[in-house]
Amino acid sequence: MKVKVKLYTILKKYAQGKVWEDNSIVLNRDTTLQELTNYLAIPSNIGLIFLVNNTPQDKEYKLCDGDEVKIFSLICGG
């Protein structure tokens, strides 16, 4: 399935080489947000906020074809 993934702030570097230029990525059917973060190699000690289709979701949410995922870190700095 194909989903859009947008990473913000300190997370942007984890998209390199894994998320295409149009922010899309191909994943197995029923991939969870936790499995997506594992695939992207985002360290588990970083607190994350997930929005799927602009709705907050927890890490066990199963993605569907065409979903748009935004991932933010809890500590952004300034």
PDB file of N, CA and C in Angstrom:
ATOM      1  N   MET A   1       0.848  -1.169   0.000  1.00  0.00           N
ATOM      2  CA  MET A   1       0.000   0.000   0.000  1.00  0.00           C
ATOM      3  C   MET A   1       0.893   1.231   0.000  1.00  0.00           C
ATOM      4  N   LYS A   2       0.353   2.337  -0.477  1.00  0.00           N
ATOM      5  CA  LYS A   2       1.119   3.573  -0.574  1.00  0.00           C
ATOM      6  C   LYS A   2       0.514   4.609   0.372  1.00  0.00           C
ATOM      7  N   VAL A   3       1.366   5.219   1.204  1.00  0.00           N
ATOM      8  CA  VAL A   3       0.930   6.277   2.117  1.00  0.00           C
ATOM      9  C   VAL A   3       1.880   7.469   1.972  1.00  0.00           C
ATOM     10  N   LYS A   4       1.421   8.621   2.408  1.00  0.00           N
ATOM     11  CA  LYS A   4       2.249   9.826   2.453  1.00  0.00           C
ATOM     12  C   LYS A   4       2.775   9.960   3.874  1.00  0.00           C
ATOM     13  N   VAL A   5       4.054  10.276   4.017  1.00  0.00           N
ATOM     14  CA  VAL A   5       4.678  10.434   5.331  1.00  0.00           C
ATOM     15  C   VAL A   5       5.443  11.746   5.350  1.00  0.00           C
ATOM     16  N   LYS A   6       5.117  12.586   6.314  1.00  0.00           N
ATOM     17  CA  LYS A   6       5.810  13.866   6.484  1.00  0.00           C
ATOM     18  C   LYS A   6       6.399  13.904   7.884  1.00  0.00           C
ATOM     19  N   LEU A   7       7.711  14.058   7.969  1.00  0.00           N
ATOM     20  CA  LEU A   7       8.413  14.142   9.247  1.00  0.00           C
ATOM     21  C   LEU A   7       8.824  15.589   9.492  1.00  0.00           C
ATOM     22  N   TYR A   8       8.703  16.026  10.734  1.00  0.00           N
ATOM     23  CA  TYR A   8       8.982  17.413  11.086  1.00  0.00           C
ATOM     24  C   TYR A   8      10.158  17.525  12.049  1.00  0.00           C
ATOM     25  N   THR A   9      10.753  18.706  12.077  1.00  0.00           N
ATOM     26  CA  THR A   9      11.847  19.098  12.972  1.00  0.00           C
ATOM     27  C   THR A   9      12.992  18.088  12.922  1.00  0.00           C
ATOM     28  N   ILE A  10      13.415  17.603  14.078  1.00  0.00           N
ATOM     29  CA  ILE A  10      14.587  16.724  14.157  1.00  0.00           C
ATOM     30  C   ILE A  10      14.352  15.366  13.497  1.00  0.00           C
ATOM     31  N   LEU A  11      13.116  15.076  13.124  1.00  0.00           N
ATOM     32  CA  LEU A  11      12.796  13.772  12.532  1.00  0.00           C
ATOM     33  C   LEU A  11      13.052  13.715  11.027  1.00  0.00           C
ATOM     34  N   LYS A  12      13.204  14.855  10.373  1.00  0.00           N
ATOM     35  CA  LYS A  12      13.349  14.888   8.911  1.00  0.00           C
ATOM     36  C   LYS A  12      14.451  13.974   8.405  1.00  0.00           C
ATOM     37  N   LYS A  13      15.536  13.877   9.161  1.00  0.00           N
ATOM     38  CA  LYS A  13      16.686  13.078   8.703  1.00  0.00           C
ATOM     39  C   LYS A  13      16.353  11.593   8.557  1.00  0.00           C
ATOM     40  N   TYR A  14      15.334  11.108   9.259  1.00  0.00           N
ATOM     41  CA  TYR A  14      14.978   9.690   9.196  1.00  0.00           C
ATOM     42  C   TYR A  14      14.248   9.315   7.908  1.00  0.00           C
ATOM     43  N   ALA A  15      13.815  10.310   7.142  1.00  0.00           N
ATOM     44  CA  ALA A  15      13.130  10.046   5.876  1.00  0.00           C
ATOM     45  C   ALA A  15      14.113   9.793   4.738  1.00  0.00           C
ATOM     46  N   GLN A  16      15.345  10.239   4.895  1.00  0.00           N
ATOM     47  CA  GLN A  16      16.316  10.165   3.811  1.00  0.00           C
ATOM     48  C   GLN A  16      16.533   8.732   3.334  1.00  0.00           C
ATOM     49  N   GLY A  17      16.323   8.547   2.040  1.00  0.00           N
ATOM     50  CA  GLY A  17      16.524   7.243   1.430  1.00  0.00           C
ATOM     51  C   GLY A  17      15.382   6.259   1.634  1.00  0.00           C
ATOM     52  N   LYS A  18      14.361   6.659   2.387  1.00  0.00           N
ATOM     53  CA  LYS A  18      13.241   5.751   2.665  1.00  0.00           C
ATOM     54  C   LYS A  18      11.902   6.322   2.209  1.00  0.00           C
ATOM     55  N   VAL A  19      11.793   7.637   2.206  1.00  0.00           N
ATOM     56  CA  VAL A  19      10.565   8.302   1.769  1.00  0.00           C
ATOM     57  C   VAL A  19      10.888   9.033   0.472  1.00  0.00           C
ATOM     58  N   TRP A  20      10.052   8.846  -0.540  1.00  0.00           N
ATOM     59  CA  TRP A  20      10.297   9.454  -1.838  1.00  0.00           C
ATOM     60  C   TRP A  20      10.129  10.968  -1.774  1.00  0.00           C
ATOM     61  N   GLU A  21      10.568  11.646  -2.819  1.00  0.00           N
ATOM     62  CA  GLU A  21      10.504  13.111  -2.866  1.00  0.00           C
ATOM     63  C   GLU A  21       9.087  13.653  -2.718  1.00  0.00           C
ATOM     64  N   ASP A  22       8.094  12.894  -3.160  1.00  0.00           N
ATOM     65  CA  ASP A  22       6.697  13.345  -3.033  1.00  0.00           C
ATOM     66  C   ASP A  22       6.094  12.945  -1.678  1.00  0.00           C
ATOM     67  N   ASN A  23       6.960  12.573  -0.730  1.00  0.00           N
ATOM     68  CA  ASN A  23       6.567  12.157   0.635  1.00  0.00           C
ATOM     69  C   ASN A  23       5.825  10.837   0.685  1.00  0.00           C
ATOM     70  N   SER A  24       5.868  10.044  -0.369  1.00  0.00           N
ATOM     71  CA  SER A  24       5.180   8.756  -0.342  1.00  0.00           C
ATOM     72  C   SER A  24       6.145   7.631   0.000  1.00  0.00           C
ATOM     73  N   ILE A  25       5.550   6.550   0.459  1.00  0.00           N
ATOM     74  CA  ILE A  25       6.304   5.364   0.846  1.00  0.00           C
ATOM     75  C   ILE A  25       5.390   4.159   0.616  1.00  0.00           C
ATOM     76  N   VAL A  26       5.959   3.040   0.234  1.00  0.00           N
ATOM     77  CA  VAL A  26       5.187   1.816   0.039  1.00  0.00           C
ATOM     78  C   VAL A  26       5.447   0.902   1.226  1.00  0.00           C
ATOM     79  N   LEU A  27       4.359   0.466   1.864  1.00  0.00           N
ATOM     80  CA  LEU A  27       4.435  -0.380   3.054  1.00  0.00           C
ATOM     81  C   LEU A  27       3.563  -1.614   2.881  1.00  0.00           C
ATOM     82  N   ASN A  28       3.795  -2.603   3.725  1.00  0.00           N
ATOM     83  CA  ASN A  28       2.921  -3.773   3.744  1.00  0.00           C
ATOM     84  C   ASN A  28       1.543  -3.380   4.265  1.00  0.00           C
ATOM     85  N   ARG A  29       0.545  -4.100   3.833  1.00  0.00           N
ATOM     86  CA  ARG A  29      -0.831  -3.861   4.286  1.00  0.00           C
ATOM     87  C   ARG A  29      -0.910  -3.996   5.809  1.00  0.00           C
ATOM     88  N   ASP A  30      -1.699  -3.148   6.453  1.00  0.00           N
ATOM     89  CA  ASP A  30      -1.932  -3.146   7.900  1.00  0.00           C
ATOM     90  C   ASP A  30      -0.695  -2.824   8.727  1.00  0.00           C
ATOM     91  N   THR A  31       0.269  -2.120   8.152  1.00  0.00           N
ATOM     92  CA  THR A  31       1.429  -1.662   8.915  1.00  0.00           C
ATOM     93  C   THR A  31       0.949  -0.680   9.982  1.00  0.00           C
ATOM     94  N   THR A  32       1.450  -0.837  11.210  1.00  0.00           N
ATOM     95  CA  THR A  32       1.090   0.100  12.282  1.00  0.00           C
ATOM     96  C   THR A  32       2.041   1.293  12.264  1.00  0.00           C
ATOM     97  N   LEU A  33       1.650   2.331  12.977  1.00  0.00           N
ATOM     98  CA  LEU A  33       2.539   3.485  13.105  1.00  0.00           C
ATOM     99  C   LEU A  33       3.842   3.098  13.799  1.00  0.00           C
ATOM    100  N   GLN A  34       3.768   2.191  14.767  1.00  0.00           N
ATOM    101  CA  GLN A  34       4.989   1.718  15.442  1.00  0.00           C
ATOM    102  C   GLN A  34       5.910   1.014  14.451  1.00  0.00           C
ATOM    103  N   GLU A  35       5.343   0.177  13.592  1.00  0.00           N
ATOM    104  CA  GLU A  35       6.149  -0.514  12.584  1.00  0.00           C
ATOM    105  C   GLU A  35       6.751   0.482  11.592  1.00  0.00           C
ATOM    106  N   LEU A  36       6.013   1.540  11.265  1.00  0.00           N
ATOM    107  CA  LEU A  36       6.542   2.583  10.392  1.00  0.00           C
ATOM    108  C   LEU A  36       7.740   3.262  11.042  1.00  0.00           C
ATOM    109  N   THR A  37       7.642   3.615  12.319  1.00  0.00           N
ATOM    110  CA  THR A  37       8.775   4.267  12.990  1.00  0.00           C
ATOM    111  C   THR A  37       9.962   3.323  13.101  1.00  0.00           C
ATOM    112  N   ASN A  38       9.709   2.034  13.287  1.00  0.00           N
ATOM    113  CA  ASN A  38      10.804   1.052  13.294  1.00  0.00           C
ATOM    114  C   ASN A  38      11.494   1.013  11.929  1.00  0.00           C
ATOM    115  N   TYR A  39      10.701   0.984  10.863  1.00  0.00           N
ATOM    116  CA  TYR A  39      11.250   0.963   9.506  1.00  0.00           C
ATOM    117  C   TYR A  39      12.097   2.210   9.239  1.00  0.00           C
ATOM    118  N   LEU A  40      11.632   3.364   9.725  1.00  0.00           N
ATOM    119  CA  LEU A  40      12.359   4.611   9.525  1.00  0.00           C
ATOM    120  C   LEU A  40      13.552   4.750  10.467  1.00  0.00           C
ATOM    121  N   ALA A  41      13.690   3.806  11.407  1.00  0.00           N
ATOM    122  CA  ALA A  41      14.796   3.789  12.383  1.00  0.00           C
ATOM    123  C   ALA A  41      14.781   5.013  13.302  1.00  0.00           C
ATOM    124  N   ILE A  42      13.572   5.455  13.672  1.00  0.00           N
ATOM    125  CA  ILE A  42      13.449   6.541  14.638  1.00  0.00           C
ATOM    126  C   ILE A  42      13.659   5.929  16.019  1.00  0.00           C
ATOM    127  N   PRO A  43      14.613   6.435  16.795  1.00  0.00           N
ATOM    128  CA  PRO A  43      14.888   5.861  18.116  1.00  0.00           C
ATOM    129  C   PRO A  43      13.647   5.849  19.008  1.00  0.00           C
ATOM    130  N   SER A  44      13.506   4.777  19.775  1.00  0.00           N
ATOM    131  CA  SER A  44      12.315   4.608  20.621  1.00  0.00           C
ATOM    132  C   SER A  44      12.278   5.589  21.796  1.00  0.00           C
ATOM    133  N   ASN A  45      13.411   6.244  22.092  1.00  0.00           N
ATOM    134  CA  ASN A  45      13.417   7.179  23.214  1.00  0.00           C
ATOM    135  C   ASN A  45      12.943   8.582  22.823  1.00  0.00           C
ATOM    136  N   ILE A  46      12.602   8.791  21.567  1.00  0.00           N
ATOM    137  CA  ILE A  46      12.061  10.080  21.126  1.00  0.00           C
ATOM    138  C   ILE A  46      10.543  10.019  21.251  1.00  0.00           C
ATOM    139  N   GLY A  47       9.968  10.950  22.007  1.00  0.00           N
ATOM    140  CA  GLY A  47       8.507  11.013  22.125  1.00  0.00           C
ATOM    141  C   GLY A  47       7.909  11.515  20.820  1.00  0.00           C
ATOM    142  N   LEU A  48       6.868  10.847  20.356  1.00  0.00           N
ATOM    143  CA  LEU A  48       6.288  11.169  19.052  1.00  0.00           C
ATOM    144  C   LEU A  48       4.803  11.460  19.152  1.00  0.00           C
ATOM    145  N   ILE A  49       4.355  12.325  18.265  1.00  0.00           N
ATOM    146  CA  ILE A  49       2.928  12.595  18.073  1.00  0.00           C
ATOM    147  C   ILE A  49       2.607  12.226  16.633  1.00  0.00           C
ATOM    148  N   PHE A  50       1.545  11.444  16.450  1.00  0.00           N
ATOM    149  CA  PHE A  50       1.134  11.007  15.116  1.00  0.00           C
ATOM    150  C   PHE A  50      -0.199  11.642  14.740  1.00  0.00           C
ATOM    151  N   LEU A  51      -0.272  12.177  13.540  1.00  0.00           N
ATOM    152  CA  LEU A  51      -1.533  12.601  12.953  1.00  0.00           C
ATOM    153  C   LEU A  51      -1.719  11.796  11.680  1.00  0.00           C
ATOM    154  N   VAL A  52      -2.850  11.124  11.564  1.00  0.00           N
ATOM    155  CA  VAL A  52      -3.173  10.385  10.349  1.00  0.00           C
ATOM    156  C   VAL A  52      -4.429  11.026   9.775  1.00  0.00           C
ATOM    157  N   ASN A  53      -4.293  11.551   8.570  1.00  0.00           N
ATOM    158  CA  ASN A  53      -5.382  12.298   7.946  1.00  0.00           C
ATOM    159  C   ASN A  53      -5.864  13.414   8.872  1.00  0.00           C
ATOM    160  N   ASN A  54      -4.892  14.069   9.524  1.00  0.00           N
ATOM    161  CA  ASN A  54      -5.099  15.195  10.449  1.00  0.00           C
ATOM    162  C   ASN A  54      -5.844  14.835  11.730  1.00  0.00           C
ATOM    163  N   THR A  55      -5.874  13.552  12.076  1.00  0.00           N
ATOM    164  CA  THR A  55      -6.501  13.090  13.317  1.00  0.00           C
ATOM    165  C   THR A  55      -5.434  12.400  14.173  1.00  0.00           C
ATOM    166  N   PRO A  56      -5.317  12.776  15.461  1.00  0.00           N
ATOM    167  CA  PRO A  56      -4.332  12.119  16.328  1.00  0.00           C
ATOM    168  C   PRO A  56      -4.591  10.620  16.436  1.00  0.00           C
ATOM    169  N   GLN A  57      -3.520   9.833  16.380  1.00  0.00           N
ATOM    170  CA  GLN A  57      -3.622   8.376  16.485  1.00  0.00           C
ATOM    171  C   GLN A  57      -2.507   7.867  17.392  1.00  0.00           C
ATOM    172  N   ASP A  58      -2.715   6.689  17.998  1.00  0.00           N
ATOM    173  CA  ASP A  58      -1.649   6.089  18.803  1.00  0.00           C
ATOM    174  C   ASP A  58      -0.801   5.176  17.923  1.00  0.00           C
ATOM    175  N   LYS A  59       0.294   4.698  18.470  1.00  0.00           N
ATOM    176  CA  LYS A  59       1.279   3.935  17.693  1.00  0.00           C
ATOM    177  C   LYS A  59       0.766   2.586  17.196  1.00  0.00           C
ATOM    178  N   GLU A  60      -0.352   2.115  17.734  1.00  0.00           N
ATOM    179  CA  GLU A  60      -0.911   0.822  17.294  1.00  0.00           C
ATOM    180  C   GLU A  60      -1.888   0.971  16.125  1.00  0.00           C
ATOM    181  N   TYR A  61      -2.132   2.183  15.693  1.00  0.00           N
ATOM    182  CA  TYR A  61      -3.042   2.433  14.576  1.00  0.00           C
ATOM    183  C   TYR A  61      -2.526   1.741  13.319  1.00  0.00           C
ATOM    184  N   LYS A  62      -3.415   1.016  12.622  1.00  0.00           N
ATOM    185  CA  LYS A  62      -3.047   0.339  11.377  1.00  0.00           C
ATOM    186  C   LYS A  62      -3.329   1.261  10.197  1.00  0.00           C
ATOM    187  N   LEU A  63      -2.297   1.485   9.415  1.00  0.00           N
ATOM    188  CA  LEU A  63      -2.412   2.370   8.266  1.00  0.00           C
ATOM    189  C   LEU A  63      -3.194   1.716   7.133  1.00  0.00           C
ATOM    190  N   CYS A  64      -3.824   2.581   6.320  1.00  0.00           N
ATOM    191  CA  CYS A  64      -4.579   2.143   5.153  1.00  0.00           C
ATOM    192  C   CYS A  64      -4.006   2.821   3.916  1.00  0.00           C
ATOM    193  N   ASP A  65      -4.221   2.207   2.777  1.00  0.00           N
ATOM    194  CA  ASP A  65      -3.752   2.768   1.520  1.00  0.00           C
ATOM    195  C   ASP A  65      -4.281   4.195   1.372  1.00  0.00           C
ATOM    196  N   GLY A  66      -3.385   5.127   1.033  1.00  0.00           N
ATOM    197  CA  GLY A  66      -3.778   6.509   0.816  1.00  0.00           C
ATOM    198  C   GLY A  66      -3.737   7.396   2.049  1.00  0.00           C
ATOM    199  N   ASP A  67      -3.445   6.828   3.230  1.00  0.00           N
ATOM    200  CA  ASP A  67      -3.355   7.643   4.446  1.00  0.00           C
ATOM    201  C   ASP A  67      -2.251   8.682   4.310  1.00  0.00           C
ATOM    202  N   GLU A  68      -2.439   9.803   4.998  1.00  0.00           N
ATOM    203  CA  GLU A  68      -1.421  10.838   5.092  1.00  0.00           C
ATOM    204  C   GLU A  68      -0.979  10.926   6.537  1.00  0.00           C
ATOM    205  N   VAL A  69       0.298  10.633   6.801  1.00  0.00           N
ATOM    206  CA  VAL A  69       0.839  10.576   8.149  1.00  0.00           C
ATOM    207  C   VAL A  69       1.782  11.752   8.385  1.00  0.00           C
ATOM    208  N   LYS A  70       1.579  12.432   9.516  1.00  0.00           N
ATOM    209  CA  LYS A  70       2.502  13.481   9.957  1.00  0.00           C
ATOM    210  C   LYS A  70       3.045  13.043  11.306  1.00  0.00           C
ATOM    211  N   ILE A  71       4.360  13.110  11.445  1.00  0.00           N
ATOM    212  CA  ILE A  71       5.006  12.691  12.702  1.00  0.00           C
ATOM    213  C   ILE A  71       5.817  13.864  13.243  1.00  0.00           C
ATOM    214  N   PHE A  72       5.524  14.206  14.493  1.00  0.00           N
ATOM    215  CA  PHE A  72       6.216  15.287  15.199  1.00  0.00           C
ATOM    216  C   PHE A  72       6.922  14.726  16.420  1.00  0.00           C
ATOM    217  N   SER A  73       8.032  15.344  16.798  1.00  0.00           N
ATOM    218  CA  SER A  73       8.692  14.982  18.058  1.00  0.00           C
ATOM    219  C   SER A  73       8.121  15.883  19.150  1.00  0.00           C
ATOM    220  N   LEU A  74       8.090  15.368  20.382  1.00  0.00           N
ATOM    221  CA  LEU A  74       7.562  16.146  21.490  1.00  0.00           C
ATOM    222  C   LEU A  74       8.477  17.299  21.870  1.00  0.00           C
ATOM    223  N   ILE A  75       9.769  17.151  21.658  1.00  0.00           N
ATOM    224  CA  ILE A  75      10.726  18.208  21.989  1.00  0.00           C
ATOM    225  C   ILE A  75      11.243  18.788  20.672  1.00  0.00           C
ATOM    226  N   CYS A  76      10.869  20.021  20.395  1.00  0.00           N
ATOM    227  CA  CYS A  76      11.243  20.633  19.117  1.00  0.00           C
ATOM    228  C   CYS A  76      12.369  21.646  19.256  1.00  0.00           C
ATOM    229  N   GLY A  77      12.497  22.268  20.391  1.00  0.00           N
ATOM    230  CA  GLY A  77      13.540  23.274  20.574  1.00  0.00           C
ATOM    231  C   GLY A  77      13.163  24.596  19.916  1.00  0.00           C
ATOM    232  N   GLY A  78      13.969  25.578  20.095  1.00  0.00           N
ATOM    233  CA  GLY A  78      13.614  26.875  19.521  1.00  0.00           C
ATOM    234  C   GLY A  78      14.771  27.711  19.404  1.00  0.00           C
TER     235      GLY A  78
END
